[in-house]
Amino acid sequence: MRVEPRMPGVQISLREATTPELVAGVRAGELDLAHLAPDTTGLPADITAFASWREDLVLITAPGHRLATAGRTLIRDLADEPFVDFRAGTGLETAVRRLAAHCGLERRITCDVTQIRLLVDLVRAGIGVAIVPRRIGEDAGLPCVAIRQPEPGRSVLLVGRAPRPRNPAAEALLGRLGGEDRATA
């Protein structure tokens, strides 16, 4: 079976980096679009948000973990847990760090990683637990435990450096990613 590309001649490159690095890439013109989970300082004035959405965060555990079948947990119940986390400065790590600080949880981080696949594999192996967007936990087939006190989540933005992308391919991609129904920031 042959699959036809929907956008022939358009090449997409993916860069995984911290939020400040992605903002710098957009500002420098190295990136036309970026997905960000900004901290509480918001977006710089020269960066435009094209779309935004909210992701629920859940605790993922190894299948045999004591919380795997709990359904819900409080942040304070995680005080003795080892954590697998993303490296400092990434959008997810920033959201989890803020949540933990807000609830007075001092996490013991056993591993920090740069790739979601590695994080999931380490959690599956029982190295630690992690707080991730619900979809990541569900797609990995790992137990997803709702976190109460407070209900955690994070905002994610699709951004660029102008009200409309200057690059026609980026504008077409923006249309494909967000469609007409995309939420605006």
N, C-alpha and C. Protein backbone atom coordinates (compact mmCIF):
# COMPACT_ATOMS: atom_id res chain seq x y z
N MET A 1 0.84 -1.17 0.00
CA MET A 1 0.00 0.00 0.00
C MET A 1 0.89 1.24 0.00
N ARG A 2 0.57 2.15 -0.85
CA ARG A 2 1.34 3.39 -0.94
C ARG A 2 0.55 4.52 -0.30
N VAL A 3 1.23 5.26 0.56
CA VAL A 3 0.58 6.38 1.22
C VAL A 3 1.05 7.67 0.56
N GLU A 4 0.11 8.47 0.11
CA GLU A 4 0.43 9.76 -0.50
C GLU A 4 0.58 10.81 0.58
N PRO A 5 1.61 11.61 0.51
CA PRO A 5 1.73 12.69 1.49
C PRO A 5 0.62 13.72 1.28
N ARG A 6 0.13 14.26 2.35
CA ARG A 6 -0.94 15.26 2.26
C ARG A 6 -0.40 16.62 1.87
N MET A 7 0.88 16.82 2.11
CA MET A 7 1.50 18.10 1.79
C MET A 7 2.81 17.83 1.06
N PRO A 8 2.74 17.45 -0.20
CA PRO A 8 3.97 17.14 -0.92
C PRO A 8 4.92 18.33 -0.97
N GLY A 9 6.20 18.04 -0.82
CA GLY A 9 7.22 19.07 -0.86
C GLY A 9 7.46 19.78 0.45
N VAL A 10 6.68 19.46 1.46
CA VAL A 10 6.86 20.10 2.77
C VAL A 10 7.62 19.14 3.67
N GLN A 11 8.69 19.62 4.25
CA GLN A 11 9.48 18.83 5.18
C GLN A 11 9.26 19.36 6.58
N ILE A 12 9.00 18.46 7.52
CA ILE A 12 8.80 18.85 8.91
C ILE A 12 9.95 18.33 9.73
N SER A 13 10.54 19.19 10.52
CA SER A 13 11.61 18.81 11.44
C SER A 13 11.10 19.03 12.85
N LEU A 14 11.45 18.14 13.74
CA LEU A 14 11.03 18.23 15.13
C LEU A 14 12.24 18.49 16.00
N ARG A 15 12.11 19.44 16.92
CA ARG A 15 13.18 19.74 17.85
C ARG A 15 12.60 19.62 19.26
N GLU A 16 13.25 18.83 20.09
CA GLU A 16 12.87 18.71 21.48
C GLU A 16 13.82 19.57 22.29
N ALA A 17 13.26 20.49 23.09
CA ALA A 17 14.11 21.41 23.84
C ALA A 17 13.30 22.01 24.98
N THR A 18 13.99 22.77 25.81
CA THR A 18 13.31 23.47 26.90
C THR A 18 12.49 24.62 26.32
N THR A 19 11.56 25.12 27.12
CA THR A 19 10.73 26.24 26.66
C THR A 19 11.58 27.45 26.26
N PRO A 20 12.57 27.87 27.08
CA PRO A 20 13.39 29.02 26.66
C PRO A 20 14.14 28.76 25.34
N GLU A 21 14.60 27.53 25.12
CA GLU A 21 15.31 27.21 23.87
C GLU A 21 14.36 27.26 22.68
N LEU A 22 13.13 26.80 22.86
CA LEU A 22 12.15 26.85 21.77
C LEU A 22 11.75 28.29 21.46
N VAL A 23 11.55 29.10 22.49
CA VAL A 23 11.23 30.51 22.27
C VAL A 23 12.37 31.18 21.51
N ALA A 24 13.61 30.90 21.90
CA ALA A 24 14.78 31.48 21.21
C ALA A 24 14.82 31.04 19.75
N GLY A 25 14.48 29.77 19.48
CA GLY A 25 14.45 29.27 18.11
C GLY A 25 13.39 29.95 17.26
N VAL A 26 12.24 30.20 17.84
CA VAL A 26 11.18 30.92 17.12
C VAL A 26 11.62 32.36 16.86
N ARG A 27 12.16 33.02 17.88
CA ARG A 27 12.63 34.41 17.73
C ARG A 27 13.70 34.53 16.65
N ALA A 28 14.61 33.56 16.60
CA ALA A 28 15.72 33.61 15.65
C ALA A 28 15.31 33.21 14.24
N GLY A 29 14.09 32.73 14.07
CA GLY A 29 13.65 32.29 12.75
C GLY A 29 14.08 30.88 12.41
N GLU A 30 14.67 30.16 13.36
CA GLU A 30 15.06 28.77 13.14
C GLU A 30 13.84 27.86 13.14
N LEU A 31 12.80 28.26 13.88
CA LEU A 31 11.55 27.51 13.98
C LEU A 31 10.40 28.40 13.54
N ASP A 32 9.52 27.85 12.72
CA ASP A 32 8.33 28.60 12.32
C ASP A 32 7.23 28.48 13.36
N LEU A 33 7.11 27.29 13.95
CA LEU A 33 6.08 27.00 14.95
C LEU A 33 6.71 26.20 16.08
N ALA A 34 6.14 26.31 17.27
CA ALA A 34 6.61 25.51 18.40
C ALA A 34 5.44 25.25 19.34
N HIS A 35 5.44 24.05 19.94
CA HIS A 35 4.52 23.72 21.02
C HIS A 35 5.23 24.05 22.32
N LEU A 36 4.60 24.86 23.16
CA LEU A 36 5.20 25.26 24.43
C LEU A 36 4.24 25.02 25.57
N ALA A 37 4.80 24.76 26.72
CA ALA A 37 4.04 24.78 27.98
C ALA A 37 4.73 25.84 28.83
N PRO A 38 4.38 27.11 28.62
CA PRO A 38 5.11 28.19 29.28
C PRO A 38 4.87 28.22 30.78
N ASP A 39 5.81 28.82 31.48
CA ASP A 39 5.65 28.98 32.93
C ASP A 39 4.68 30.13 33.20
N THR A 40 4.57 30.52 34.42
CA THR A 40 3.59 31.54 34.80
C THR A 40 3.93 32.94 34.29
N THR A 41 5.13 33.14 33.75
CA THR A 41 5.47 34.47 33.25
C THR A 41 4.77 34.79 31.94
N GLY A 42 4.22 33.79 31.28
CA GLY A 42 3.52 34.03 30.02
C GLY A 42 4.46 34.13 28.84
N LEU A 43 3.90 34.52 27.72
CA LEU A 43 4.66 34.61 26.47
C LEU A 43 5.32 35.98 26.33
N PRO A 44 6.52 36.00 25.74
CA PRO A 44 7.13 37.29 25.41
C PRO A 44 6.25 38.03 24.39
N ALA A 45 6.35 39.35 24.37
CA ALA A 45 5.51 40.18 23.50
C ALA A 45 5.71 39.87 22.02
N ASP A 46 6.89 39.41 21.63
CA ASP A 46 7.15 39.15 20.21
C ASP A 46 6.79 37.73 19.77
N ILE A 47 6.12 36.97 20.62
CA ILE A 47 5.69 35.60 20.29
C ILE A 47 4.16 35.58 20.28
N THR A 48 3.59 34.98 19.24
CA THR A 48 2.13 34.92 19.08
C THR A 48 1.64 33.51 19.34
N ALA A 49 0.59 33.39 20.12
CA ALA A 49 -0.05 32.09 20.34
C ALA A 49 -1.14 31.90 19.29
N PHE A 50 -1.06 30.81 18.53
CA PHE A 50 -2.05 30.50 17.51
C PHE A 50 -3.17 29.61 18.06
N ALA A 51 -2.83 28.79 19.05
CA ALA A 51 -3.83 27.88 19.63
C ALA A 51 -3.39 27.52 21.03
N SER A 52 -4.36 27.14 21.85
CA SER A 52 -4.04 26.69 23.21
C SER A 52 -5.00 25.58 23.60
N TRP A 53 -4.55 24.74 24.50
CA TRP A 53 -5.39 23.69 25.04
C TRP A 53 -4.87 23.32 26.42
N ARG A 54 -5.67 22.60 27.15
CA ARG A 54 -5.32 22.19 28.51
C ARG A 54 -5.15 20.68 28.53
N GLU A 55 -4.11 20.21 29.19
CA GLU A 55 -3.86 18.79 29.37
C GLU A 55 -3.99 18.44 30.84
N ASP A 56 -4.76 17.38 31.12
CA ASP A 56 -4.83 16.86 32.48
C ASP A 56 -3.57 16.06 32.77
N LEU A 57 -3.03 16.22 33.96
CA LEU A 57 -1.86 15.47 34.38
C LEU A 57 -2.28 14.36 35.34
N VAL A 58 -1.65 13.20 35.19
CA VAL A 58 -1.93 12.04 36.05
C VAL A 58 -0.61 11.44 36.52
N LEU A 59 -0.70 10.64 37.56
CA LEU A 59 0.45 9.87 38.03
C LEU A 59 0.45 8.55 37.28
N ILE A 60 1.59 8.18 36.70
CA ILE A 60 1.71 6.84 36.11
C ILE A 60 2.64 6.01 36.98
N THR A 61 2.32 4.72 37.06
CA THR A 61 3.09 3.80 37.89
C THR A 61 3.34 2.52 37.12
N ALA A 62 4.23 1.70 37.66
CA ALA A 62 4.40 0.35 37.13
C ALA A 62 3.12 -0.43 37.44
N PRO A 63 2.79 -1.45 36.65
CA PRO A 63 1.55 -2.20 36.88
C PRO A 63 1.40 -2.78 38.29
N GLY A 64 2.44 -3.21 38.94
CA GLY A 64 2.33 -3.81 40.27
C GLY A 64 2.51 -2.84 41.43
N HIS A 65 2.63 -1.58 41.15
CA HIS A 65 2.87 -0.56 42.17
C HIS A 65 1.68 -0.46 43.13
N ARG A 66 1.95 -0.07 44.38
CA ARG A 66 0.90 0.02 45.40
C ARG A 66 -0.23 0.97 45.03
N LEU A 67 0.04 1.98 44.18
CA LEU A 67 -1.00 2.93 43.78
C LEU A 67 -1.64 2.61 42.42
N ALA A 68 -1.17 1.55 41.77
CA ALA A 68 -1.63 1.24 40.41
C ALA A 68 -3.13 1.09 40.29
N THR A 69 -3.78 0.58 41.32
CA THR A 69 -5.23 0.37 41.27
C THR A 69 -5.98 1.35 42.16
N ALA A 70 -5.30 2.38 42.65
CA ALA A 70 -5.93 3.32 43.58
C ALA A 70 -7.00 4.19 42.94
N GLY A 71 -6.85 4.48 41.66
CA GLY A 71 -7.80 5.35 40.99
C GLY A 71 -7.52 6.82 41.22
N ARG A 72 -7.29 7.21 42.49
CA ARG A 72 -6.98 8.60 42.85
C ARG A 72 -5.96 8.61 43.97
N THR A 73 -5.22 9.68 44.06
CA THR A 73 -4.28 9.85 45.16
C THR A 73 -4.13 11.33 45.48
N LEU A 74 -3.67 11.60 46.67
CA LEU A 74 -3.33 12.96 47.07
C LEU A 74 -1.84 13.17 46.86
N ILE A 75 -1.45 14.39 46.60
CA ILE A 75 -0.03 14.70 46.42
C ILE A 75 0.77 14.25 47.65
N ARG A 76 0.24 14.47 48.84
CA ARG A 76 0.99 14.12 50.05
C ARG A 76 1.26 12.61 50.15
N ASP A 77 0.46 11.79 49.46
CA ASP A 77 0.69 10.34 49.47
C ASP A 77 1.90 9.93 48.64
N LEU A 78 2.51 10.88 47.95
CA LEU A 78 3.65 10.59 47.07
C LEU A 78 4.99 10.95 47.71
N ALA A 79 4.98 11.35 48.98
CA ALA A 79 6.18 11.84 49.65
C ALA A 79 7.34 10.84 49.65
N ASP A 80 7.06 9.55 49.74
CA ASP A 80 8.13 8.55 49.80
C ASP A 80 8.43 7.90 48.45
N GLU A 81 7.79 8.39 47.40
CA GLU A 81 7.96 7.77 46.08
C GLU A 81 9.18 8.30 45.36
N PRO A 82 9.93 7.43 44.70
CA PRO A 82 10.98 7.91 43.78
C PRO A 82 10.31 8.36 42.48
N PHE A 83 10.80 9.44 41.90
CA PHE A 83 10.21 9.99 40.68
C PHE A 83 11.17 9.86 39.50
N VAL A 84 10.59 9.64 38.33
CA VAL A 84 11.28 9.77 37.05
C VAL A 84 10.73 11.06 36.47
N ASP A 85 11.60 11.95 36.03
CA ASP A 85 11.14 13.27 35.59
C ASP A 85 11.90 13.70 34.34
N PHE A 86 11.39 14.72 33.67
CA PHE A 86 12.10 15.32 32.55
C PHE A 86 13.17 16.26 33.09
N ARG A 87 14.14 16.55 32.24
CA ARG A 87 15.21 17.45 32.68
C ARG A 87 14.63 18.83 32.96
N ALA A 88 15.28 19.54 33.86
CA ALA A 88 14.82 20.85 34.29
C ALA A 88 14.69 21.80 33.10
N GLY A 89 13.63 22.59 33.14
CA GLY A 89 13.40 23.59 32.11
C GLY A 89 12.42 23.18 31.03
N THR A 90 12.10 21.90 30.94
CA THR A 90 11.10 21.49 29.96
C THR A 90 9.73 21.87 30.49
N GLY A 91 8.77 22.03 29.60
CA GLY A 91 7.44 22.45 30.00
C GLY A 91 6.80 21.52 31.01
N LEU A 92 6.93 20.22 30.81
CA LEU A 92 6.32 19.26 31.73
C LEU A 92 7.03 19.30 33.09
N GLU A 93 8.33 19.34 33.09
CA GLU A 93 9.06 19.39 34.37
C GLU A 93 8.69 20.65 35.14
N THR A 94 8.55 21.76 34.46
CA THR A 94 8.17 23.01 35.12
C THR A 94 6.78 22.90 35.75
N ALA A 95 5.84 22.33 35.02
CA ALA A 95 4.47 22.17 35.55
C ALA A 95 4.46 21.24 36.76
N VAL A 96 5.20 20.14 36.70
CA VAL A 96 5.24 19.19 37.82
C VAL A 96 5.96 19.81 39.01
N ARG A 97 7.05 20.51 38.77
CA ARG A 97 7.77 21.16 39.87
C ARG A 97 6.88 22.19 40.58
N ARG A 98 6.13 22.99 39.80
CA ARG A 98 5.22 23.97 40.39
C ARG A 98 4.12 23.29 41.21
N LEU A 99 3.56 22.22 40.67
CA LEU A 99 2.51 21.48 41.38
C LEU A 99 3.05 20.94 42.71
N ALA A 100 4.22 20.31 42.67
CA ALA A 100 4.82 19.75 43.88
C ALA A 100 5.10 20.84 44.91
N ALA A 101 5.65 21.97 44.47
CA ALA A 101 5.96 23.06 45.39
C ALA A 101 4.68 23.63 46.00
N HIS A 102 3.65 23.76 45.19
CA HIS A 102 2.37 24.29 45.67
C HIS A 102 1.79 23.40 46.78
N CYS A 103 2.03 22.11 46.68
CA CYS A 103 1.48 21.17 47.66
C CYS A 103 2.48 20.78 48.74
N GLY A 104 3.68 21.36 48.71
CA GLY A 104 4.68 21.06 49.73
C GLY A 104 5.36 19.71 49.57
N LEU A 105 5.33 19.15 48.38
CA LEU A 105 5.96 17.85 48.12
C LEU A 105 7.40 18.04 47.68
N GLU A 106 8.32 17.44 48.41
CA GLU A 106 9.72 17.42 47.98
C GLU A 106 9.95 16.08 47.30
N ARG A 107 10.07 16.13 45.98
CA ARG A 107 10.23 14.89 45.22
C ARG A 107 11.67 14.40 45.29
N ARG A 108 11.81 13.08 45.33
CA ARG A 108 13.12 12.43 45.23
C ARG A 108 13.22 11.92 43.79
N ILE A 109 13.98 12.63 42.98
CA ILE A 109 14.08 12.29 41.55
C ILE A 109 15.23 11.31 41.37
N THR A 110 14.89 10.11 40.90
CA THR A 110 15.89 9.07 40.69
C THR A 110 16.51 9.14 39.30
N CYS A 111 15.73 9.63 38.34
CA CYS A 111 16.21 9.74 36.96
C CYS A 111 15.60 10.98 36.33
N ASP A 112 16.40 11.72 35.57
CA ASP A 112 15.80 12.75 34.73
C ASP A 112 16.18 12.43 33.30
N VAL A 113 15.20 12.58 32.42
CA VAL A 113 15.33 12.12 31.05
C VAL A 113 14.96 13.24 30.09
N THR A 114 15.21 13.01 28.82
CA THR A 114 14.84 13.98 27.78
C THR A 114 13.82 13.40 26.80
N GLN A 115 13.49 12.12 26.93
CA GLN A 115 12.57 11.49 25.98
C GLN A 115 11.43 10.81 26.72
N ILE A 116 10.22 11.02 26.24
CA ILE A 116 9.05 10.45 26.89
C ILE A 116 9.09 8.92 26.87
N ARG A 117 9.59 8.34 25.81
CA ARG A 117 9.65 6.88 25.71
C ARG A 117 10.52 6.30 26.83
N LEU A 118 11.66 6.92 27.09
CA LEU A 118 12.54 6.46 28.15
C LEU A 118 11.87 6.63 29.51
N LEU A 119 11.20 7.75 29.72
CA LEU A 119 10.48 7.97 30.98
C LEU A 119 9.47 6.85 31.20
N VAL A 120 8.68 6.55 30.19
CA VAL A 120 7.66 5.49 30.29
C VAL A 120 8.32 4.14 30.57
N ASP A 121 9.41 3.84 29.88
CA ASP A 121 10.10 2.55 30.10
C ASP A 121 10.63 2.44 31.53
N LEU A 122 11.18 3.53 32.06
CA LEU A 122 11.69 3.50 33.43
C LEU A 122 10.57 3.34 34.45
N VAL A 123 9.44 3.99 34.23
CA VAL A 123 8.29 3.82 35.12
C VAL A 123 7.79 2.38 35.03
N ARG A 124 7.66 1.86 33.81
CA ARG A 124 7.20 0.48 33.62
C ARG A 124 8.11 -0.51 34.34
N ALA A 125 9.41 -0.22 34.38
CA ALA A 125 10.39 -1.10 35.04
C ALA A 125 10.38 -0.95 36.56
N GLY A 126 9.60 0.01 37.08
CA GLY A 126 9.51 0.17 38.52
C GLY A 126 10.59 1.06 39.13
N ILE A 127 11.29 1.82 38.29
CA ILE A 127 12.35 2.70 38.78
C ILE A 127 11.77 3.87 39.57
N GLY A 128 10.56 4.29 39.22
CA GLY A 128 9.90 5.39 39.90
C GLY A 128 8.54 5.64 39.29
N VAL A 129 7.87 6.63 39.81
CA VAL A 129 6.58 7.07 39.27
C VAL A 129 6.81 8.37 38.53
N ALA A 130 5.83 8.82 37.75
CA ALA A 130 5.96 10.09 37.03
C ALA A 130 4.59 10.74 36.90
N ILE A 131 4.61 12.04 36.78
CA ILE A 131 3.40 12.81 36.49
C ILE A 131 3.50 13.27 35.05
N VAL A 132 2.52 12.87 34.24
CA VAL A 132 2.54 13.13 32.81
C VAL A 132 1.13 13.48 32.33
N PRO A 133 1.01 14.02 31.10
CA PRO A 133 -0.32 14.19 30.53
C PRO A 133 -1.04 12.83 30.42
N ARG A 134 -2.34 12.83 30.69
CA ARG A 134 -3.12 11.60 30.69
C ARG A 134 -2.91 10.78 29.41
N ARG A 135 -2.89 11.42 28.28
CA ARG A 135 -2.77 10.69 27.01
C ARG A 135 -1.49 9.87 26.93
N ILE A 136 -0.40 10.39 27.48
CA ILE A 136 0.87 9.66 27.47
C ILE A 136 0.74 8.37 28.27
N GLY A 137 0.17 8.48 29.47
CA GLY A 137 -0.03 7.29 30.30
C GLY A 137 -0.95 6.27 29.65
N GLU A 138 -2.06 6.76 29.09
CA GLU A 138 -3.01 5.84 28.45
C GLU A 138 -2.40 5.17 27.23
N ASP A 139 -1.70 5.95 26.39
CA ASP A 139 -1.06 5.38 25.20
C ASP A 139 0.00 4.34 25.57
N ALA A 140 0.66 4.54 26.72
CA ALA A 140 1.69 3.60 27.16
C ALA A 140 1.09 2.35 27.81
N GLY A 141 -0.19 2.39 28.12
CA GLY A 141 -0.83 1.25 28.77
C GLY A 141 -0.47 1.10 30.24
N LEU A 142 0.00 2.18 30.84
CA LEU A 142 0.37 2.15 32.26
C LEU A 142 -0.81 2.61 33.11
N PRO A 143 -0.84 2.16 34.38
CA PRO A 143 -1.89 2.65 35.27
C PRO A 143 -1.82 4.17 35.39
N CYS A 144 -2.97 4.82 35.23
CA CYS A 144 -3.08 6.28 35.36
C CYS A 144 -3.89 6.57 36.61
N VAL A 145 -3.29 7.26 37.55
CA VAL A 145 -3.92 7.56 38.83
C VAL A 145 -4.22 9.06 38.86
N ALA A 146 -5.48 9.40 39.04
CA ALA A 146 -5.86 10.81 39.12
C ALA A 146 -5.25 11.43 40.37
N ILE A 147 -4.83 12.66 40.25
CA ILE A 147 -4.23 13.36 41.38
C ILE A 147 -5.22 14.42 41.86
N ARG A 148 -5.49 14.39 43.15
CA ARG A 148 -6.36 15.41 43.75
C ARG A 148 -5.49 16.36 44.56
N GLN A 149 -6.07 17.50 44.86
CA GLN A 149 -5.42 18.47 45.78
C GLN A 149 -4.21 19.14 45.18
N PRO A 150 -4.25 19.97 44.27
CA PRO A 150 -5.37 20.30 43.39
C PRO A 150 -5.42 19.38 42.19
N GLU A 151 -6.45 19.51 41.37
CA GLU A 151 -6.50 18.75 40.12
C GLU A 151 -5.46 19.36 39.19
N PRO A 152 -4.40 18.60 38.86
CA PRO A 152 -3.33 19.20 38.07
C PRO A 152 -3.62 19.22 36.58
N GLY A 153 -3.05 20.18 35.94
CA GLY A 153 -3.12 20.29 34.49
C GLY A 153 -2.09 21.30 34.04
N ARG A 154 -1.98 21.44 32.76
CA ARG A 154 -1.07 22.46 32.23
C ARG A 154 -1.63 22.98 30.92
N SER A 155 -1.27 24.20 30.60
CA SER A 155 -1.66 24.79 29.33
C SER A 155 -0.54 24.57 28.34
N VAL A 156 -0.92 24.25 27.12
CA VAL A 156 0.03 24.06 26.04
C VAL A 156 -0.37 25.03 24.92
N LEU A 157 0.63 25.66 24.32
CA LEU A 157 0.39 26.64 23.27
C LEU A 157 1.11 26.25 21.99
N LEU A 158 0.51 26.57 20.86
CA LEU A 158 1.17 26.49 19.56
C LEU A 158 1.50 27.92 19.20
N VAL A 159 2.79 28.23 19.05
CA VAL A 159 3.23 29.61 18.89
C VAL A 159 4.08 29.81 17.65
N GLY A 160 4.21 31.08 17.27
CA GLY A 160 5.08 31.53 16.19
C GLY A 160 5.51 32.95 16.48
N ARG A 161 6.17 33.58 15.50
CA ARG A 161 6.72 34.92 15.78
C ARG A 161 5.94 36.05 15.11
N ALA A 162 4.83 35.79 14.50
CA ALA A 162 4.05 36.83 13.85
C ALA A 162 2.57 36.45 13.94
N PRO A 163 1.68 37.40 13.70
CA PRO A 163 0.25 37.05 13.74
C PRO A 163 -0.11 35.93 12.76
N ARG A 164 0.63 35.82 11.67
CA ARG A 164 0.47 34.71 10.73
C ARG A 164 1.87 34.24 10.35
N PRO A 165 2.07 32.94 10.20
CA PRO A 165 3.40 32.48 9.75
C PRO A 165 3.75 33.09 8.40
N ARG A 166 4.99 33.50 8.26
CA ARG A 166 5.46 34.07 7.00
C ARG A 166 5.74 32.98 5.97
N ASN A 167 6.09 31.83 6.45
CA ASN A 167 6.39 30.70 5.59
C ASN A 167 5.07 30.04 5.17
N PRO A 168 4.79 29.95 3.86
CA PRO A 168 3.51 29.36 3.41
C PRO A 168 3.33 27.91 3.88
N ALA A 169 4.43 27.17 3.95
CA ALA A 169 4.32 25.77 4.42
C ALA A 169 3.92 25.74 5.90
N ALA A 170 4.50 26.65 6.71
CA ALA A 170 4.13 26.72 8.12
C ALA A 170 2.68 27.14 8.29
N GLU A 171 2.22 28.04 7.45
CA GLU A 171 0.81 28.46 7.52
C GLU A 171 -0.11 27.30 7.15
N ALA A 172 0.26 26.52 6.14
CA ALA A 172 -0.54 25.35 5.77
C ALA A 172 -0.53 24.31 6.89
N LEU A 173 0.64 24.11 7.51
CA LEU A 173 0.74 23.16 8.62
C LEU A 173 -0.11 23.65 9.79
N LEU A 174 -0.07 24.93 10.09
CA LEU A 174 -0.89 25.49 11.16
C LEU A 174 -2.36 25.20 10.90
N GLY A 175 -2.78 25.36 9.68
CA GLY A 175 -4.16 25.05 9.32
C GLY A 175 -4.50 23.57 9.52
N ARG A 176 -3.56 22.70 9.18
CA ARG A 176 -3.77 21.25 9.35
C ARG A 176 -3.78 20.87 10.83
N LEU A 177 -2.89 21.48 11.61
CA LEU A 177 -2.81 21.14 13.02
C LEU A 177 -4.01 21.65 13.80
N GLY A 178 -4.43 22.87 13.49
CA GLY A 178 -5.49 23.47 14.28
C GLY A 178 -6.83 23.44 13.59
N GLY A 179 -6.84 23.39 12.28
CA GLY A 179 -8.10 23.42 11.57
C GLY A 179 -8.87 24.69 11.89
N GLU A 180 -10.06 24.76 11.47
CA GLU A 180 -10.90 25.92 11.72
C GLU A 180 -11.41 25.97 13.15
N ASP A 181 -11.39 24.80 13.85
CA ASP A 181 -11.97 24.71 15.18
C ASP A 181 -10.96 24.96 16.29
N ARG A 182 -9.72 25.29 15.95
CA ARG A 182 -8.72 25.42 17.01
C ARG A 182 -9.09 26.55 17.97
N ALA A 183 -8.75 26.30 19.22
CA ALA A 183 -8.98 27.32 20.25
C ALA A 183 -7.88 28.35 20.16
N THR A 184 -8.22 29.58 20.32
CA THR A 184 -7.19 30.61 20.28
C THR A 184 -6.83 31.03 21.69
N ALA A 185 -5.60 31.45 21.83
CA ALA A 185 -5.12 31.85 23.16
C ALA A 185 -5.60 33.22 23.53
